[in-house]
Amino acid sequence: MNKEIKIIHISKDLNGGIGTVIGSLCKQFTSSISLTLDNEQGYDKLQMLDNIIRYKNLKNKLLLLIGKFDVLHFHGAWTPHILLLTNKYNIPAVVSPHGAFHKASLQKSKIKKLIAKYIYMKRAYQNANCIHALTLQEAQDIRDYGIKNIPIAVIPNGIDLDEKININETLKTKLLKIANNRRVILSLSRLHLSKGIDILIDAFARLSKQNSNNVLFIVGSGDKDYEVRLMGKIEKLKMQNSIFLLGEMTNNDKNTVYDIADLFVLPSLNEGFGITVLEAYRQKVPVITTTATPFKEIEEIGCGWFVKPLADDLFLALEEFAK
């Protein structure tokens, strides 16, 4: 009888796409667990001393578990959890950057990331037994960053396209009431500048001037300052009756918002591998996404639009959808 592999997944938190991936992997390998830096409660994330305490707590938990598991799987980069990989362990370690070495990503906080590169990042990644890249381009980004002589496995993220989908009927009724017989355009992602939601709002507002038969549902949580900025943009454009920030939705609630969507838009400026695109496909929702994602086949197979991450280009795709 084959023994199930026991994996410890280590990440900053379980938010966004990384959290979705870890959740999916833990379902497949049921004896696996996740450890996250932000599971440490009672600390001020903005204080350096508290960050050190949280890191030490995470390290102590990991060391207690090492002998009981077969593989360490690190996810992401830059935040203190990756410092754990500056040590070698007596079990294999895999690391998934999730787009951290994309050239656009490296331009954000450029000086800090350059310092981190030489203090710990390269050493951490060089300690891995294998690096998991989502695309061939990401594999090249990893090599360009200077990480050599470590095997890279190129494996796209995936989901179970045959998974039984459950719908929250109460939520569905509520959302359809808000939509009020208008077509639903959905954006679902972490709220962060890199996700391009502000340019989607600009494009949607332009569409609404010529076609008011659409509503934009923005689902997700994240950067509070960015969320306030989005709310201010919506108010400035006087789009409060057509654009709605619905907060984070997971599990059946997330299935429900896909279920009522007529179109899904991922307007990212930088994206390793947007698993939300696959989730939209699973529920047969057409997609608009950008050239900052790895989904160039979208137009070739007739599933949607693949455009530059610019408001004008998003508008043209929305306009074509709305015809």
Protein backbone atom coordinates (compact mmCIF):
# COMPACT_ATOMS: atom_id res chain seq x y z
CA MET A 1 0.00 0.00 0.00
CA ASN A 2 1.41 3.37 -1.00
CA LYS A 3 2.17 5.71 1.86
CA GLU A 4 0.60 9.15 1.57
CA ILE A 5 3.18 11.93 1.48
CA LYS A 6 2.99 14.22 4.50
CA ILE A 7 3.73 17.86 3.63
CA ILE A 8 4.15 20.98 5.73
CA HIS A 9 3.11 24.05 3.75
CA ILE A 10 4.74 27.26 5.02
CA SER A 11 3.56 30.70 3.95
CA LYS A 12 3.01 34.22 5.23
CA ASP A 13 -0.76 33.70 5.41
CA LEU A 14 -3.59 31.90 3.62
CA ASN A 15 -4.98 34.92 1.78
CA GLY A 16 -5.46 35.20 -1.97
CA GLY A 17 -4.24 32.74 -4.56
CA ILE A 18 -1.54 31.20 -2.35
CA GLY A 19 -4.16 30.31 0.24
CA THR A 20 -6.35 28.74 -2.45
CA VAL A 21 -3.43 26.65 -3.72
CA ILE A 22 -2.44 25.48 -0.23
CA GLY A 23 -6.05 24.60 0.58
CA SER A 24 -6.30 22.55 -2.60
CA LEU A 25 -3.04 20.73 -1.89
CA CYS A 26 -4.10 19.94 1.67
CA LYS A 27 -7.29 18.39 0.28
CA GLN A 28 -5.26 16.19 -2.04
CA PHE A 29 -2.75 15.21 0.65
CA THR A 30 -5.04 14.92 3.64
CA SER A 31 -2.27 14.33 6.17
CA SER A 32 -0.61 17.62 5.22
CA ILE A 33 -0.81 20.80 7.27
CA SER A 34 -0.10 24.51 6.83
CA LEU A 35 1.94 26.82 9.04
CA THR A 36 1.64 30.57 8.53
CA LEU A 37 3.46 33.53 9.98
CA ASP A 38 0.21 35.45 10.46
CA ASN A 39 -1.39 32.65 12.48
CA GLU A 40 0.59 33.98 15.42
CA GLN A 41 -1.99 35.99 17.33
CA GLY A 42 -1.69 38.97 19.64
CA TYR A 43 1.13 40.78 17.89
CA ASP A 44 1.37 44.12 16.12
CA LYS A 45 2.39 43.30 12.53
CA LEU A 46 3.96 46.75 12.17
CA GLN A 47 6.45 46.30 15.03
CA MET A 48 9.85 44.77 14.26
CA LEU A 49 10.15 43.11 17.68
CA ASP A 50 6.75 41.44 17.29
CA ASN A 51 7.70 40.24 13.80
CA ILE A 52 10.77 38.60 15.32
CA ILE A 53 8.66 36.92 17.99
CA ARG A 54 6.20 35.64 15.39
CA TYR A 55 9.06 34.29 13.29
CA LYS A 56 10.63 32.50 16.26
CA ASN A 57 7.29 30.95 17.21
CA LEU A 58 6.84 29.72 13.65
CA LYS A 59 10.37 28.29 13.62
CA ASN A 60 9.82 26.45 16.91
CA LYS A 61 6.59 24.90 15.60
CA LEU A 62 8.37 23.78 12.44
CA LEU A 63 11.27 22.19 14.32
CA LEU A 64 8.85 20.19 16.47
CA LEU A 65 7.16 18.80 13.34
CA ILE A 66 10.16 18.03 11.13
CA GLY A 67 10.49 14.34 12.02
CA LYS A 68 6.79 13.67 11.44
CA PHE A 69 6.60 14.87 7.82
CA ASP A 70 8.18 14.00 4.48
CA VAL A 71 8.43 17.33 2.61
CA LEU A 72 8.60 21.04 3.40
CA HIS A 73 6.82 23.22 0.85
CA PHE A 74 7.55 26.94 1.16
CA HIS A 75 5.27 29.38 -0.66
CA GLY A 76 6.08 32.96 -1.68
CA ALA A 77 9.00 35.21 -0.85
CA TRP A 78 10.24 38.36 0.90
CA THR A 79 8.30 38.06 4.18
CA PRO A 80 10.07 36.58 7.25
CA HIS A 81 8.68 33.05 6.84
CA ILE A 82 11.12 32.48 3.96
CA LEU A 83 14.03 33.00 6.40
CA LEU A 84 13.29 29.48 7.67
CA LEU A 85 14.69 28.21 4.37
CA THR A 86 18.08 29.78 5.04
CA ASN A 87 18.67 26.57 7.05
CA LYS A 88 19.03 23.06 5.66
CA TYR A 89 16.68 20.36 6.95
CA ASN A 90 16.87 16.58 6.99
CA ILE A 91 13.83 16.30 4.72
CA PRO A 92 13.40 17.65 1.15
CA ALA A 93 12.36 21.27 0.75
CA VAL A 94 10.38 22.60 -2.22
CA VAL A 95 9.74 26.31 -2.73
CA SER A 96 7.10 27.99 -4.92
CA PRO A 97 7.75 31.72 -5.57
CA HIS A 98 4.22 32.31 -6.98
CA GLY A 99 5.45 35.03 -9.34
CA ALA A 100 7.78 36.76 -6.86
CA PHE A 101 10.59 37.03 -9.43
CA HIS A 102 8.50 38.49 -12.24
CA LYS A 103 10.26 41.61 -13.48
CA ALA A 104 7.26 43.81 -12.65
CA SER A 105 7.19 42.39 -9.11
CA LEU A 106 10.90 43.11 -8.62
CA GLN A 107 10.33 46.77 -9.50
CA LYS A 108 8.01 47.23 -6.50
CA SER A 109 10.00 48.22 -3.40
CA LYS A 110 13.05 47.77 -5.63
CA ILE A 111 15.73 48.85 -3.14
CA LYS A 112 14.32 46.74 -0.29
CA LYS A 113 14.13 43.68 -2.53
CA LEU A 114 17.67 44.24 -3.77
CA ILE A 115 18.92 44.33 -0.18
CA ALA A 116 16.86 41.24 0.69
CA LYS A 117 18.33 39.42 -2.31
CA TYR A 118 21.84 39.60 -0.95
CA ILE A 119 20.96 39.21 2.74
CA TYR A 120 18.73 36.13 2.56
CA MET A 121 16.64 35.55 -0.56
CA LYS A 122 19.21 33.90 -2.83
CA ARG A 123 20.57 31.80 0.04
CA ALA A 124 17.06 30.67 1.00
CA TYR A 125 16.13 29.60 -2.50
CA GLN A 126 19.52 27.96 -3.10
CA ASN A 127 18.80 25.74 -0.08
CA ALA A 128 15.74 24.24 -1.75
CA ASN A 129 15.95 20.77 -3.27
CA CYS A 130 13.55 21.86 -6.02
CA ILE A 131 11.84 25.06 -7.12
CA HIS A 132 8.29 24.96 -8.43
CA ALA A 133 7.58 27.37 -11.30
CA LEU A 134 4.08 27.87 -12.67
CA THR A 135 5.16 28.65 -16.23
CA LEU A 136 8.23 28.47 -18.46
CA GLN A 137 8.48 32.25 -18.16
CA GLU A 138 8.57 32.01 -14.38
CA ALA A 139 11.33 29.41 -14.64
CA GLN A 140 13.32 31.87 -16.74
CA ASP A 141 12.61 34.67 -14.24
CA ILE A 142 14.05 32.47 -11.47
CA ARG A 143 17.23 31.84 -13.47
CA ASP A 144 17.50 35.53 -14.39
CA TYR A 145 17.31 36.37 -10.68
CA GLY A 146 20.52 34.42 -10.23
CA ILE A 147 19.33 31.16 -8.71
CA LYS A 148 21.41 28.47 -10.40
CA ASN A 149 21.97 24.72 -10.12
CA ILE A 150 18.63 24.02 -8.42
CA PRO A 151 16.16 21.84 -10.39
CA ILE A 152 13.01 23.69 -11.48
CA ALA A 153 9.75 21.81 -12.04
CA VAL A 154 7.30 23.69 -14.27
CA ILE A 155 3.81 22.70 -13.09
CA PRO A 156 0.82 25.04 -13.59
CA ASN A 157 -1.66 25.42 -10.77
CA GLY A 158 -4.79 23.39 -11.24
CA ILE A 159 -8.25 22.80 -9.83
CA ASP A 160 -10.71 19.94 -10.00
CA LEU A 161 -12.94 20.92 -12.92
CA ASP A 162 -15.35 18.12 -12.01
CA GLU A 163 -15.71 19.14 -8.37
CA LYS A 164 -19.33 19.36 -7.21
CA ILE A 165 -20.25 23.02 -6.87
CA ASN A 166 -22.56 24.07 -4.04
CA ILE A 167 -24.43 27.37 -4.20
CA ASN A 168 -25.61 29.63 -1.39
CA GLU A 169 -29.15 30.28 -2.60
CA THR A 170 -29.79 33.02 -0.04
CA LEU A 171 -26.71 34.93 -1.18
CA LYS A 172 -27.62 34.33 -4.82
CA THR A 173 -31.05 35.91 -4.31
CA LYS A 174 -29.47 38.89 -2.54
CA LEU A 175 -26.90 39.48 -5.27
CA LEU A 176 -29.41 39.14 -8.09
CA LYS A 177 -31.56 41.73 -6.33
CA ILE A 178 -28.60 44.12 -6.30
CA ALA A 179 -27.90 43.40 -9.97
CA ASN A 180 -31.55 44.23 -10.78
CA ASN A 181 -31.66 42.39 -14.12
CA ARG A 182 -28.32 43.84 -15.25
CA ARG A 183 -25.49 41.66 -16.53
CA VAL A 184 -22.95 40.86 -13.82
CA ILE A 185 -19.27 41.59 -14.44
CA LEU A 186 -17.19 40.01 -11.68
CA SER A 187 -13.71 40.80 -10.40
CA LEU A 188 -12.44 38.47 -7.67
CA SER A 189 -8.95 38.87 -6.25
CA ARG A 190 -6.91 40.21 -3.40
CA LEU A 191 -7.35 43.97 -3.14
CA HIS A 192 -3.93 45.27 -4.10
CA LEU A 193 -2.55 47.81 -6.55
CA SER A 194 -0.96 45.02 -8.61
CA LYS A 195 -4.40 43.53 -9.35
CA GLY A 196 -5.39 46.52 -11.53
CA ILE A 197 -8.87 46.91 -10.07
CA ASP A 198 -8.67 50.71 -10.26
CA ILE A 199 -8.13 50.59 -14.02
CA LEU A 200 -11.04 48.16 -14.33
CA ILE A 201 -13.25 50.68 -12.53
CA ASP A 202 -12.17 53.39 -14.98
CA ALA A 203 -12.93 51.12 -17.95
CA PHE A 204 -16.28 50.05 -16.52
CA ALA A 205 -17.31 53.65 -15.81
CA ARG A 206 -16.56 54.50 -19.44
CA LEU A 207 -18.65 51.51 -20.58
CA SER A 208 -21.55 52.61 -18.37
CA LYS A 209 -21.81 55.94 -20.18
CA GLN A 210 -22.89 54.11 -23.33
CA ASN A 211 -24.40 50.96 -21.82
CA SER A 212 -26.00 51.01 -18.35
CA ASN A 213 -27.16 47.40 -18.47
CA ASN A 214 -24.15 46.10 -16.48
CA VAL A 215 -23.10 45.93 -12.86
CA LEU A 216 -19.57 45.37 -11.51
CA PHE A 217 -19.14 43.19 -8.43
CA ILE A 218 -15.68 43.46 -6.85
CA VAL A 219 -15.00 40.57 -4.47
CA GLY A 220 -11.96 40.35 -2.23
CA SER A 221 -10.06 41.81 0.71
CA GLY A 222 -6.49 42.89 1.30
CA ASP A 223 -4.80 46.29 1.36
CA LYS A 224 -7.09 48.56 3.39
CA ASP A 225 -5.58 51.75 1.97
CA TYR A 226 -6.17 50.46 -1.55
CA GLU A 227 -9.75 49.54 -0.66
CA VAL A 228 -10.34 53.11 0.57
CA ARG A 229 -8.83 54.39 -2.67
CA LEU A 230 -11.21 52.23 -4.69
CA MET A 231 -14.20 53.43 -2.69
CA GLY A 232 -13.14 57.04 -3.28
CA LYS A 233 -12.82 56.41 -7.03
CA ILE A 234 -16.29 54.85 -7.17
CA GLU A 235 -17.78 57.85 -5.36
CA LYS A 236 -15.92 60.35 -7.53
CA LEU A 237 -17.23 58.65 -10.66
CA LYS A 238 -20.74 58.52 -9.12
CA MET A 239 -20.92 54.79 -9.76
CA GLN A 240 -22.25 53.68 -6.34
CA ASN A 241 -25.34 52.14 -7.97
CA SER A 242 -23.33 50.15 -10.50
CA ILE A 243 -20.07 49.16 -8.76
CA PHE A 244 -20.15 47.23 -5.48
CA LEU A 245 -17.31 46.19 -3.18
CA LEU A 246 -18.65 42.95 -1.69
CA GLY A 247 -15.74 41.94 0.54
CA GLU A 248 -14.11 38.53 0.70
CA MET A 249 -16.06 35.43 -0.33
CA THR A 250 -14.91 31.84 0.04
CA ASN A 251 -16.21 28.31 -0.52
CA ASN A 252 -19.93 28.22 -1.41
CA ASP A 253 -20.21 32.00 -1.41
CA LYS A 254 -17.41 32.25 -3.97
CA ASN A 255 -19.11 29.56 -6.08
CA THR A 256 -22.30 31.60 -5.89
CA VAL A 257 -20.81 34.83 -7.20
CA TYR A 258 -19.25 32.96 -10.13
CA ASP A 259 -22.64 31.31 -10.72
CA ILE A 260 -24.39 34.64 -11.33
CA ALA A 261 -21.52 36.21 -13.31
CA ASP A 262 -21.86 36.84 -17.04
CA LEU A 263 -18.19 37.83 -17.33
CA PHE A 264 -15.09 37.49 -15.14
CA VAL A 265 -12.29 40.08 -15.32
CA LEU A 266 -8.76 39.68 -13.92
CA PRO A 267 -7.09 43.01 -14.80
CA SER A 268 -3.74 42.27 -13.14
CA LEU A 269 -0.59 44.30 -13.73
CA ASN A 270 1.50 41.40 -12.39
CA GLU A 271 0.24 37.83 -11.94
CA GLY A 272 2.06 34.56 -11.41
CA PHE A 273 -0.91 32.34 -12.20
CA GLY A 274 -4.44 33.56 -11.54
CA ILE A 275 -6.27 30.47 -10.34
CA THR A 276 -9.48 32.53 -10.41
CA VAL A 277 -9.37 32.23 -14.21
CA LEU A 278 -9.61 28.45 -13.85
CA GLU A 279 -12.43 28.83 -11.35
CA ALA A 280 -14.33 30.98 -13.83
CA TYR A 281 -13.77 28.36 -16.55
CA ARG A 282 -15.08 25.65 -14.24
CA GLN A 283 -18.37 27.55 -13.99
CA LYS A 284 -18.36 28.35 -17.72
CA VAL A 285 -17.88 32.12 -17.32
CA PRO A 286 -16.03 33.94 -20.15
CA VAL A 287 -12.90 35.84 -19.08
CA ILE A 288 -11.11 39.08 -19.77
CA THR A 289 -7.55 39.06 -18.48
CA THR A 290 -4.29 40.80 -19.29
CA THR A 291 -0.95 40.10 -20.89
CA ALA A 292 0.54 40.24 -17.37
CA THR A 293 -0.99 36.77 -16.81
CA PRO A 294 0.10 33.50 -18.51
CA PHE A 295 -3.26 32.89 -20.22
CA LYS A 296 -2.48 33.86 -23.79
CA GLU A 297 -4.48 30.87 -25.09
CA ILE A 298 -7.75 32.51 -24.00
CA GLU A 299 -8.48 34.16 -27.34
CA GLU A 300 -7.12 31.22 -29.34
CA ILE A 301 -9.65 28.81 -27.83
CA GLY A 302 -12.50 31.32 -27.76
CA CYS A 303 -12.89 31.66 -23.99
CA GLY A 304 -12.52 35.42 -23.74
CA TRP A 305 -10.17 38.35 -24.27
CA PHE A 306 -6.42 38.72 -23.64
CA VAL A 307 -5.49 42.43 -23.52
CA LYS A 308 -2.85 44.81 -22.25
CA PRO A 309 -3.36 45.95 -18.63
CA LEU A 310 -4.57 49.39 -19.69
CA ALA A 311 -7.94 51.06 -19.13
CA ASP A 312 -8.41 51.67 -22.88
CA ASP A 313 -7.79 48.02 -23.75
CA LEU A 314 -10.04 46.77 -20.97
CA PHE A 315 -12.76 49.13 -22.14
CA LEU A 316 -12.59 47.80 -25.70
CA ALA A 317 -12.93 44.23 -24.44
CA LEU A 318 -15.82 45.21 -22.16
CA GLU A 319 -17.46 47.04 -25.05
CA GLU A 320 -17.21 43.94 -27.25
CA PHE A 321 -18.66 41.80 -24.47
CA ALA A 322 -21.57 44.24 -23.96
CA LYS A 323 -22.65 44.27 -27.63
